[in-house]
Amino acid sequence: MDAWVVWVIVAAAFAVGEMLTTALYLAPFALGGVAAAVASAAGAGDVVPWLLFAGIGVVLLAAFRPIARSHRHMPPQIRTGTAALVGRSGLVIDPLAGPEHTGSVKIDGEVWTARAYDEADIPAGRQVHVIEIKGATALVSE
């Protein structure tokens, strides 16, 4: 098997690994594998593809990883839609009770159907925090 084919397989393996993890650790090395495959197909020998693979992988990881980390930790003020409600406080209007622990909660002036996140009854008038939004239901906790 030609060396460039092996580098294409290496690049594809790193690309698939990145798609499964989405942590931006493997994508730079997938690009390094592509560069190594091109160099190998051009007849660069055995050492140059390895240097390209390692060098490009490390440089791109150092360059793009901090950018990716900053985008993963987006502050709540920038979030929109239902994602903006996560972390907010609300007031229980109808008690969260019964077998489903459901009721109503007022969040930022809007009344939402709510369910107790920890499956405990919460009486009306209590302050709660929005843990998650599932569909049109707010999952809340005291």
Protein backbone atom coordinates (compact mmCIF):
# COMPACT_ATOMS: atom_id res chain seq x y z
CA MET A 1 0.00 0.00 0.00
CA ASP A 2 1.35 3.43 -0.91
CA ALA A 3 2.34 5.77 1.91
CA TRP A 4 -0.03 8.51 0.76
CA VAL A 5 -2.98 6.10 1.08
CA VAL A 6 -1.98 5.39 4.67
CA TRP A 7 -1.88 9.14 5.36
CA VAL A 8 -5.36 9.56 3.85
CA ILE A 9 -6.63 6.80 6.15
CA VAL A 10 -4.93 8.48 9.14
CA ALA A 11 -6.50 11.83 8.23
CA ALA A 12 -9.94 10.22 7.85
CA ALA A 13 -9.61 8.46 11.21
CA PHE A 14 -8.76 11.73 12.94
CA ALA A 15 -11.64 13.48 11.15
CA VAL A 16 -14.14 10.81 12.22
CA GLY A 17 -12.79 10.97 15.77
CA GLU A 18 -13.30 14.73 15.78
CA MET A 19 -16.88 14.36 14.58
CA LEU A 20 -17.58 11.96 17.41
CA THR A 21 -15.99 14.10 20.14
CA THR A 22 -16.44 17.69 18.85
CA ALA A 23 -13.74 18.89 21.25
CA LEU A 24 -11.37 20.27 18.56
CA TYR A 25 -8.46 18.08 19.61
CA LEU A 26 -8.34 15.81 16.59
CA ALA A 27 -9.29 18.11 13.68
CA PRO A 28 -5.87 19.82 13.52
CA PHE A 29 -4.21 16.43 13.20
CA ALA A 30 -6.68 15.44 10.48
CA LEU A 31 -5.52 18.49 8.53
CA GLY A 32 -1.91 17.52 9.27
CA GLY A 33 -2.68 14.07 7.89
CA VAL A 34 -4.03 15.62 4.69
CA ALA A 35 -0.84 17.69 4.31
CA ALA A 36 1.26 14.57 4.93
CA ALA A 37 -0.75 12.66 2.29
CA VAL A 38 -0.18 15.41 -0.26
CA ALA A 39 3.54 15.54 0.52
CA SER A 40 3.82 11.78 0.36
CA ALA A 41 1.97 11.63 -2.96
CA ALA A 42 4.37 14.29 -4.30
CA GLY A 43 7.29 12.02 -3.42
CA ALA A 44 8.63 13.87 -0.35
CA GLY A 45 10.09 10.73 1.24
CA ASP A 46 9.42 9.33 4.70
CA VAL A 47 10.49 12.10 7.11
CA VAL A 48 8.77 15.17 5.58
CA PRO A 49 5.21 13.78 5.88
CA TRP A 50 5.80 12.98 9.55
CA LEU A 51 7.15 16.48 10.18
CA LEU A 52 4.18 18.03 8.36
CA PHE A 53 1.70 15.87 10.25
CA ALA A 54 3.13 16.70 13.67
CA GLY A 55 4.00 20.32 12.92
CA ILE A 56 0.71 21.33 11.33
CA GLY A 57 -1.26 19.41 13.94
CA VAL A 58 0.46 21.10 16.89
CA VAL A 59 0.42 24.58 15.35
CA LEU A 60 -3.27 24.41 14.43
CA LEU A 61 -4.17 22.95 17.80
CA ALA A 62 -2.35 25.80 19.55
CA ALA A 63 -4.03 28.36 17.28
CA PHE A 64 -7.62 27.14 17.18
CA ARG A 65 -8.20 25.45 20.53
CA PRO A 66 -8.39 28.71 22.55
CA ILE A 67 -10.87 30.15 20.03
CA ALA A 68 -13.04 27.02 20.22
CA ARG A 69 -13.00 27.05 24.02
CA SER A 70 -14.14 30.67 24.14
CA HIS A 71 -17.09 29.86 21.86
CA ARG A 72 -18.16 26.88 23.98
CA HIS A 73 -18.51 29.05 27.07
CA MET A 74 -20.83 31.69 25.69
CA PRO A 75 -22.16 33.98 28.42
CA PRO A 76 -25.92 33.88 29.07
CA GLN A 77 -26.40 37.52 27.95
CA ILE A 78 -25.61 36.56 24.35
CA ARG A 79 -27.91 33.54 24.26
CA THR A 80 -31.27 34.00 22.58
CA GLY A 81 -34.61 32.24 22.53
CA THR A 82 -35.31 29.60 25.14
CA ALA A 83 -31.58 29.19 25.83
CA ALA A 84 -31.63 32.71 27.32
CA LEU A 85 -34.05 31.53 30.01
CA VAL A 86 -31.70 28.90 31.43
CA GLY A 87 -30.31 30.18 34.72
CA ARG A 88 -33.05 32.80 35.19
CA SER A 89 -35.38 32.97 38.18
CA GLY A 90 -39.10 32.54 38.08
CA LEU A 91 -42.13 32.63 40.38
CA VAL A 92 -44.38 29.59 40.78
CA ILE A 93 -47.96 30.60 39.92
CA ASP A 94 -49.68 27.19 39.95
CA PRO A 95 -48.10 24.67 42.33
CA LEU A 96 -45.81 22.09 40.77
CA ALA A 97 -47.58 19.05 42.15
CA GLY A 98 -49.27 15.83 41.22
CA PRO A 99 -47.74 12.72 39.70
CA GLU A 100 -45.91 14.74 37.02
CA HIS A 101 -45.00 17.64 39.37
CA THR A 102 -46.28 20.13 36.77
CA GLY A 103 -47.73 23.60 37.11
CA SER A 104 -47.07 27.14 35.92
CA VAL A 105 -44.14 29.48 36.43
CA LYS A 106 -43.77 33.15 35.50
CA ILE A 107 -40.33 33.77 33.93
CA ASP A 108 -39.44 37.28 32.75
CA GLY A 109 -43.12 38.26 32.60
CA GLU A 110 -44.20 35.19 30.61
CA VAL A 111 -46.15 32.26 32.01
CA TRP A 112 -44.59 28.89 31.22
CA THR A 113 -45.73 25.36 31.82
CA ALA A 114 -43.21 24.00 34.29
CA ARG A 115 -42.12 20.75 35.82
CA ALA A 116 -40.04 20.25 38.95
CA TYR A 117 -36.56 19.14 37.92
CA ASP A 118 -35.94 17.13 41.09
CA GLU A 119 -39.49 15.69 41.06
CA ALA A 120 -40.51 17.38 44.32
CA ASP A 121 -43.67 19.42 44.89
CA ILE A 122 -43.12 23.18 44.87
CA PRO A 123 -45.92 25.37 46.26
CA ALA A 124 -47.20 28.56 44.62
CA GLY A 125 -45.34 31.76 45.47
CA ARG A 126 -41.88 30.18 45.62
CA GLN A 127 -38.89 31.44 43.65
CA VAL A 128 -37.36 28.83 41.33
CA HIS A 129 -34.44 28.69 38.92
CA VAL A 130 -34.75 27.48 35.35
CA ILE A 131 -32.49 24.46 34.84
CA GLU A 132 -33.51 23.53 31.29
CA ILE A 133 -36.19 24.14 28.66
CA LYS A 134 -37.66 21.05 27.00
CA GLY A 135 -40.05 21.99 24.23
CA ALA A 136 -42.53 24.40 25.84
CA THR A 137 -41.89 23.20 29.39
CA ALA A 138 -39.45 24.77 31.81
CA LEU A 139 -37.64 22.39 34.13
CA VAL A 140 -37.16 24.29 37.38
CA SER A 141 -35.63 23.76 40.79
CA GLU A 142 -35.78 25.64 44.10
